[in-house]
Protein backbone atom coordinates (compact mmCIF):
# COMPACT_ATOMS: atom_id res chain seq x y z
CA MET A 1 128.84 89.55 121.78
CA GLN A 2 128.84 91.57 118.53
CA ALA A 3 130.43 94.96 117.94
CA LEU A 4 130.03 97.60 115.17
CA VAL A 5 132.77 99.75 113.85
CA ILE A 6 131.90 102.76 111.67
CA ALA A 7 135.00 103.55 109.60
CA ALA A 8 135.22 107.07 108.20
CA HIS A 9 137.83 109.38 106.67
CA GLY A 10 137.89 112.23 109.17
CA SER A 11 139.99 115.35 108.65
CA HIS A 12 142.86 117.26 110.23
CA LEU A 13 141.57 120.46 108.60
CA ASN A 14 137.77 120.36 109.02
CA PRO A 15 136.68 119.83 112.66
CA ASP A 16 133.11 119.03 111.49
CA ALA A 17 134.13 116.20 109.19
CA SER A 18 133.60 113.55 111.84
CA ASP A 19 130.30 114.90 113.16
CA PRO A 20 128.04 112.66 111.02
CA THR A 21 130.05 109.59 112.09
CA TYR A 22 129.62 110.29 115.77
CA ALA A 23 125.96 111.22 115.29
CA HIS A 24 125.07 107.98 113.49
CA ALA A 25 127.10 105.93 115.97
CA ASP A 26 125.21 107.54 118.83
CA THR A 27 121.86 106.81 117.13
CA ILE A 28 122.76 103.15 116.62
CA ARG A 29 124.21 102.88 120.14
CA GLU A 30 120.92 104.01 121.61
CA THR A 31 119.11 101.12 119.82
CA GLY A 32 121.08 98.59 121.82
CA ALA A 33 121.54 96.42 118.69
CA PHE A 34 125.28 95.98 119.37
CA ASP A 35 127.19 95.35 122.54
CA GLU A 36 129.84 97.83 121.37
CA VAL A 37 129.73 100.64 118.82
CA ARG A 38 132.93 102.42 117.89
CA GLU A 39 133.99 105.17 115.47
CA ALA A 40 137.29 104.91 113.70
CA PHE A 41 139.09 107.31 111.30
CA TRP A 42 141.96 107.61 108.83
CA LYS A 43 142.73 111.26 109.66
CA GLU A 44 141.59 111.43 113.27
CA GLU A 45 141.67 109.47 116.47
CA PRO A 46 140.66 106.80 117.21
CA HIS A 47 142.46 105.30 114.26
CA PHE A 48 141.56 102.35 112.02
CA ARG A 49 144.72 100.55 113.14
CA GLU A 50 143.80 100.34 116.83
CA VAL A 51 140.05 100.20 116.96
CA VAL A 52 139.55 96.38 116.69
CA ARG A 53 142.14 95.87 119.40
CA THR A 54 139.97 97.97 121.89
CA LEU A 55 136.85 95.74 121.47
CA GLU A 56 135.78 92.97 123.77
CA ALA A 57 133.45 91.29 121.23
CA ASP A 58 134.82 88.40 119.17
CA GLU A 59 132.55 89.17 116.21
CA VAL A 60 132.97 92.64 114.64
CA PHE A 61 131.06 94.25 111.81
CA VAL A 62 133.03 96.99 110.03
CA VAL A 63 130.96 99.42 107.91
CA PRO A 64 132.87 102.00 105.84
CA LEU A 65 131.16 105.43 105.92
CA PHE A 66 132.35 106.14 102.37
CA ILE A 67 130.41 106.87 99.19
CA SER A 68 132.29 104.67 96.70
CA GLU A 69 134.32 101.55 96.44
CA GLY A 70 137.94 102.41 95.85
CA TYR A 71 141.31 103.07 97.39
CA PHE A 72 140.13 103.56 100.97
CA THR A 73 137.61 100.72 101.09
CA GLU A 74 139.70 98.25 99.14
CA GLN A 75 143.16 99.04 100.39
CA VAL A 76 143.54 101.43 103.30
CA ILE A 77 140.89 100.15 105.78
CA PRO A 78 141.64 96.41 105.32
CA ARG A 79 145.36 97.06 105.61
CA GLU A 80 145.03 99.16 108.78
CA LEU A 81 142.63 96.67 110.34
CA ARG A 82 145.22 93.93 109.56
CA LEU A 83 142.63 91.67 107.98
CA ASP A 84 144.25 88.36 107.00
CA ASP A 85 143.74 87.10 103.47
CA TRP A 86 141.88 90.23 102.32
CA ASP A 87 141.47 90.70 98.59
CA PRO A 88 139.01 93.02 96.83
CA GLU A 89 137.90 90.08 94.72
CA LYS A 90 136.21 88.68 97.83
CA TRP A 91 133.57 91.33 97.35
CA ASP A 92 132.95 90.07 93.78
CA SER A 93 131.80 93.55 92.92
CA ASP A 94 131.12 95.51 89.73
CA GLY A 95 131.90 98.78 91.51
CA THR A 96 128.50 99.21 93.24
CA SER A 97 127.68 95.67 94.49
CA ALA A 98 130.13 95.03 97.32
CA SER A 99 128.30 93.34 100.18
CA GLN A 100 130.60 91.74 102.79
CA ALA A 101 133.57 89.39 103.33
CA THR A 102 134.22 87.51 106.46
CA LEU A 103 137.89 87.43 107.57
CA GLU A 104 140.06 86.93 110.60
CA ALA A 105 142.09 89.41 112.55
CA ALA A 106 144.32 86.60 113.72
CA ASP A 107 146.53 88.69 116.05
CA VAL A 108 143.54 89.32 118.30
CA GLY A 109 141.44 86.28 117.48
CA LYS A 110 138.42 88.19 116.18
CA THR A 111 136.12 87.45 113.22
CA ILE A 112 135.66 90.58 111.07
CA HIS A 113 132.68 90.99 108.80
CA TYR A 114 134.00 93.66 106.40
CA CYS A 115 131.06 95.35 104.59
CA GLY A 116 130.83 97.38 101.43
CA PRO A 117 130.57 101.18 101.73
CA VAL A 118 127.29 102.82 102.72
CA GLY A 119 127.27 104.90 99.60
CA THR A 120 126.56 101.99 97.24
CA HIS A 121 123.86 100.30 99.31
CA ASP A 122 120.35 100.37 97.85
CA ALA A 123 119.04 102.03 101.01
CA MET A 124 121.03 105.14 100.15
CA THR A 125 118.49 105.89 97.45
CA ASP A 126 115.90 106.51 100.14
CA VAL A 127 118.32 108.83 101.99
CA ILE A 128 118.82 110.96 98.93
CA VAL A 129 115.10 111.32 98.44
CA GLN A 130 114.68 112.08 102.16
CA ARG A 131 117.30 114.77 101.74
CA ALA A 132 115.31 116.43 98.99
CA GLU A 133 112.16 116.20 101.11
CA THR A 134 113.93 117.89 104.01
CA ALA A 135 115.36 120.67 101.87
CA MET A 136 112.08 121.56 100.23
CA GLU A 137 110.04 120.95 103.48
CA ASP A 138 107.69 118.79 101.43
CA PRO A 139 107.29 115.02 102.08
CA GLU A 140 105.58 114.69 98.68
CA VAL A 141 108.22 116.58 96.72
CA GLY A 142 108.59 115.39 93.12
CA GLU A 143 106.01 116.70 90.75
CA GLY A 144 107.31 119.66 88.80
CA VAL A 145 110.78 119.29 90.34
CA GLY A 146 114.10 118.23 88.92
CA LEU A 147 116.59 116.42 91.12
CA SER A 148 120.38 116.52 90.72
CA VAL A 149 122.56 114.02 92.60
CA VAL A 150 126.05 115.49 92.72
CA GLY A 151 129.27 113.57 93.31
CA HIS A 152 132.94 114.32 93.20
CA GLY A 153 133.85 112.20 90.23
CA THR A 154 137.37 111.60 89.09
CA GLU A 155 138.94 110.11 86.01
CA ARG A 156 141.45 108.33 88.29
CA ASN A 157 138.72 106.06 89.75
CA GLU A 158 135.77 105.02 87.62
CA ASN A 159 133.94 103.79 90.66
CA SER A 160 133.69 107.30 92.02
CA ALA A 161 130.92 108.15 89.54
CA LYS A 162 129.23 104.74 89.65
CA ALA A 163 127.46 105.31 92.96
CA ILE A 164 126.07 108.69 91.89
CA GLU A 165 124.88 107.27 88.52
CA TYR A 166 123.46 104.12 90.26
CA HIS A 167 121.25 106.05 92.65
CA SER A 168 120.19 108.59 90.06
CA GLU A 169 118.97 105.73 87.86
CA ARG A 170 117.08 104.10 90.77
CA ILE A 171 115.36 107.44 91.61
CA ARG A 172 114.58 108.00 87.93
CA ASP A 173 112.91 104.61 87.74
CA ARG A 174 110.49 105.67 90.46
CA ASP A 175 109.00 108.36 88.23
CA ARG A 176 108.67 110.65 91.17
CA PHE A 177 110.65 113.66 89.95
CA ASP A 178 110.14 115.22 86.52
CA GLU A 179 113.93 114.93 85.81
CA VAL A 180 116.82 113.26 87.60
CA LYS A 181 120.44 113.90 86.58
CA ALA A 182 123.85 112.82 87.93
CA LEU A 183 126.31 115.67 87.91
CA PHE A 184 129.91 115.87 89.06
CA MET A 185 132.56 118.28 90.30
CA ASP A 186 135.57 116.87 88.39
CA GLU A 187 134.08 115.25 85.31
CA GLU A 188 131.40 115.75 82.75
CA PRO A 189 128.48 116.48 83.12
CA GLU A 190 129.64 119.20 85.57
CA VAL A 191 127.57 120.73 88.34
CA ASP A 192 128.81 124.16 87.21
CA ASP A 193 126.30 123.97 84.35
CA VAL A 194 123.46 122.55 86.37
CA THR A 195 120.76 124.73 84.83
CA ASP A 196 121.74 123.59 81.29
CA TYR A 197 120.62 120.09 82.07
CA PHE A 198 117.10 120.88 83.46
CA GLU A 199 113.90 122.19 82.06
CA SER A 200 112.16 122.20 85.45
CA ASP A 201 111.82 125.62 87.14
CA ASP A 202 112.60 124.05 90.51
CA ILE A 203 115.76 122.02 90.89
CA VAL A 204 116.85 120.34 94.14
CA VAL A 205 120.56 119.58 94.30
CA VAL A 206 121.74 116.82 96.70
CA PRO A 207 125.45 116.37 97.11
CA LEU A 208 126.33 112.69 97.74
CA PHE A 209 129.08 113.35 100.25
CA ILE A 210 129.43 112.04 103.80
CA ALA A 211 130.04 115.37 105.54
CA ASP A 212 129.75 119.05 104.86
CA GLY A 213 133.09 120.71 104.15
CA TYR A 214 135.09 122.45 101.53
CA HIS A 215 133.37 120.85 98.55
CA THR A 216 129.80 121.14 99.71
CA GLN A 217 129.96 124.47 101.49
CA GLU A 218 132.36 126.36 99.26
CA ASP A 219 133.07 124.82 95.84
CA ILE A 220 129.62 123.65 94.77
CA PRO A 221 127.62 126.78 95.79
CA GLU A 222 130.03 129.03 94.00
CA ASP A 223 130.25 126.70 90.94
CA MET A 224 126.44 126.65 90.58
CA GLY A 225 126.23 130.42 90.85
CA LEU A 226 124.37 130.46 94.20
CA THR A 227 126.83 133.03 95.43
CA GLU A 228 129.98 134.78 94.25
CA ASP A 229 131.63 134.23 97.64
CA TYR A 230 130.54 131.34 99.96
CA ARG A 231 131.48 133.51 102.93
CA LEU A 232 128.58 135.81 102.07
CA GLY A 233 126.10 132.92 102.15
CA TRP A 234 123.26 132.21 99.73
CA ASP A 235 119.51 132.00 99.54
CA VAL A 236 117.61 128.76 99.41
CA PRO A 237 116.02 128.70 96.94
CA ALA A 238 118.41 130.71 94.87
CA GLU A 239 117.51 132.21 91.49
CA VAL A 240 119.99 131.10 88.80
CA ASP A 241 119.42 131.43 85.06
CA GLY A 242 115.62 131.43 85.44
CA HIS A 243 115.54 128.40 87.76
CA ARG A 244 115.06 128.08 91.47
CA ILE A 245 117.90 126.00 93.02
CA TRP A 246 117.23 124.23 96.30
CA TYR A 247 120.61 123.21 97.61
CA THR A 248 120.90 120.76 100.49
CA GLY A 249 123.69 119.82 102.82
CA ALA A 250 125.71 116.66 102.40
CA VAL A 251 123.52 113.59 102.25
CA GLY A 252 125.62 111.92 104.92
CA THR A 253 124.27 114.29 107.57
CA GLU A 254 120.69 113.03 107.10
CA GLU A 255 119.38 111.10 110.12
CA LEU A 256 118.38 108.18 107.90
CA MET A 257 122.06 107.37 107.22
CA ALA A 258 122.12 105.37 110.42
CA ASP A 259 119.62 103.01 108.80
CA VAL A 260 122.00 102.41 105.89
CA VAL A 261 124.78 101.50 108.34
CA LEU A 262 122.44 99.07 110.08
CA GLU A 263 121.42 97.53 106.72
CA ARG A 264 125.02 96.96 105.77
CA ALA A 265 125.68 95.14 109.07
CA ALA A 266 122.44 93.14 108.86
CA ASP A 267 123.36 92.04 105.33
CA ALA A 268 126.61 90.70 106.77
CA GLY A 269 124.73 88.68 109.38
CA ALA A 270 124.46 91.03 112.40
CA ASP A 271 121.46 90.49 114.66
CA ILE A 272 119.99 94.03 114.85
CA GLY A 273 116.51 93.21 116.13
CA ASP A 274 114.12 96.07 115.58
CA ALA A 275 116.89 98.68 115.46
CA ARG A 276 116.04 99.75 111.89
CA GLU A 277 112.51 100.51 112.83
CA ALA A 278 113.66 102.64 115.78
CA VAL A 279 116.09 104.62 113.51
CA ARG A 280 113.50 105.14 110.81
CA ASP A 281 110.96 106.44 113.34
CA LEU A 282 113.60 108.86 114.66
CA ALA A 283 114.42 110.01 111.14
CA GLU A 284 110.79 110.61 110.36
CA SER A 285 110.29 112.62 113.54
CA VAL A 286 113.33 114.75 112.85
CA ALA A 287 112.23 115.40 109.26
CA GLU A 288 108.93 116.72 110.51
CA THR A 289 110.49 119.19 112.94
CA ASP A 290 113.97 120.09 111.72
CA HIS A 291 113.95 121.51 108.18
CA GLU A 292 116.81 123.07 106.26
CA PRO A 293 117.31 126.81 106.77
CA SER A 294 115.94 129.19 104.14
CA ALA A 295 119.14 131.17 103.98
CA GLY A 296 122.56 131.37 105.57
CA THR A 297 126.12 130.35 105.03
CA GLY A 298 124.96 127.24 103.37
CA ALA A 299 122.25 124.58 103.56
CA GLY A 300 122.91 122.10 106.28
CA ASP A 301 124.90 124.42 108.59
């Protein structure tokens, strides 16, 4: 038997924070790739500390639903899972290259394959592009369009910016969009000045966050000038400084995220059969029928 645990932050303040985690878990559960699929959280129940003890499977794949390597993926989750002999050096990562480490949870006799976060996996590049396609309702979006990948950023953790820069560079190398820029909330270059960094008339802005919440639905729209008050909503696209801004919801709400979770587990040795194909087919069908709203309290609501 093999089990999958999707480990996410959760929130005591935002009841919607866990929605993407449950949605992706449900999608993967329906593929039948794992005997058990469980969600676990830091700020909600079920908690990291107990989840492994509720599983029957002896082999468990733990995939952190986080954007960057850092405090939670390197300290909090391994500690709460009680992984024997864990050390971040086992990932041998430069900040974006964590893959997996196989460890023992000796108190329950289970083998744990602890994976790197979804946000640094190469497959996330496709999810960001998919998010832009969904927002602009155009599967061929790119020509004449600038793309901004937005992250939180923080001077306290250099890895926070690495994932955003990594995927921006990968998309830039595809020569699909006229311009691709990595922007941040808490470090330079800042998303507040998004129009200063683009010549393209149309700019699609994709926030590299797992769930919609305070940052994606309040801070960023106001910072970019889409609205003076997020409670009044904003238009998509919005006219700002002579540019049209297409703002999407958090990338983690995209259906294709379930594929990234599966890829992380497969890289660690999970037998997932044709689950990825099933998830990609689902994501494509949803993209064709469920586009972002043209206006409202925020894209992705």
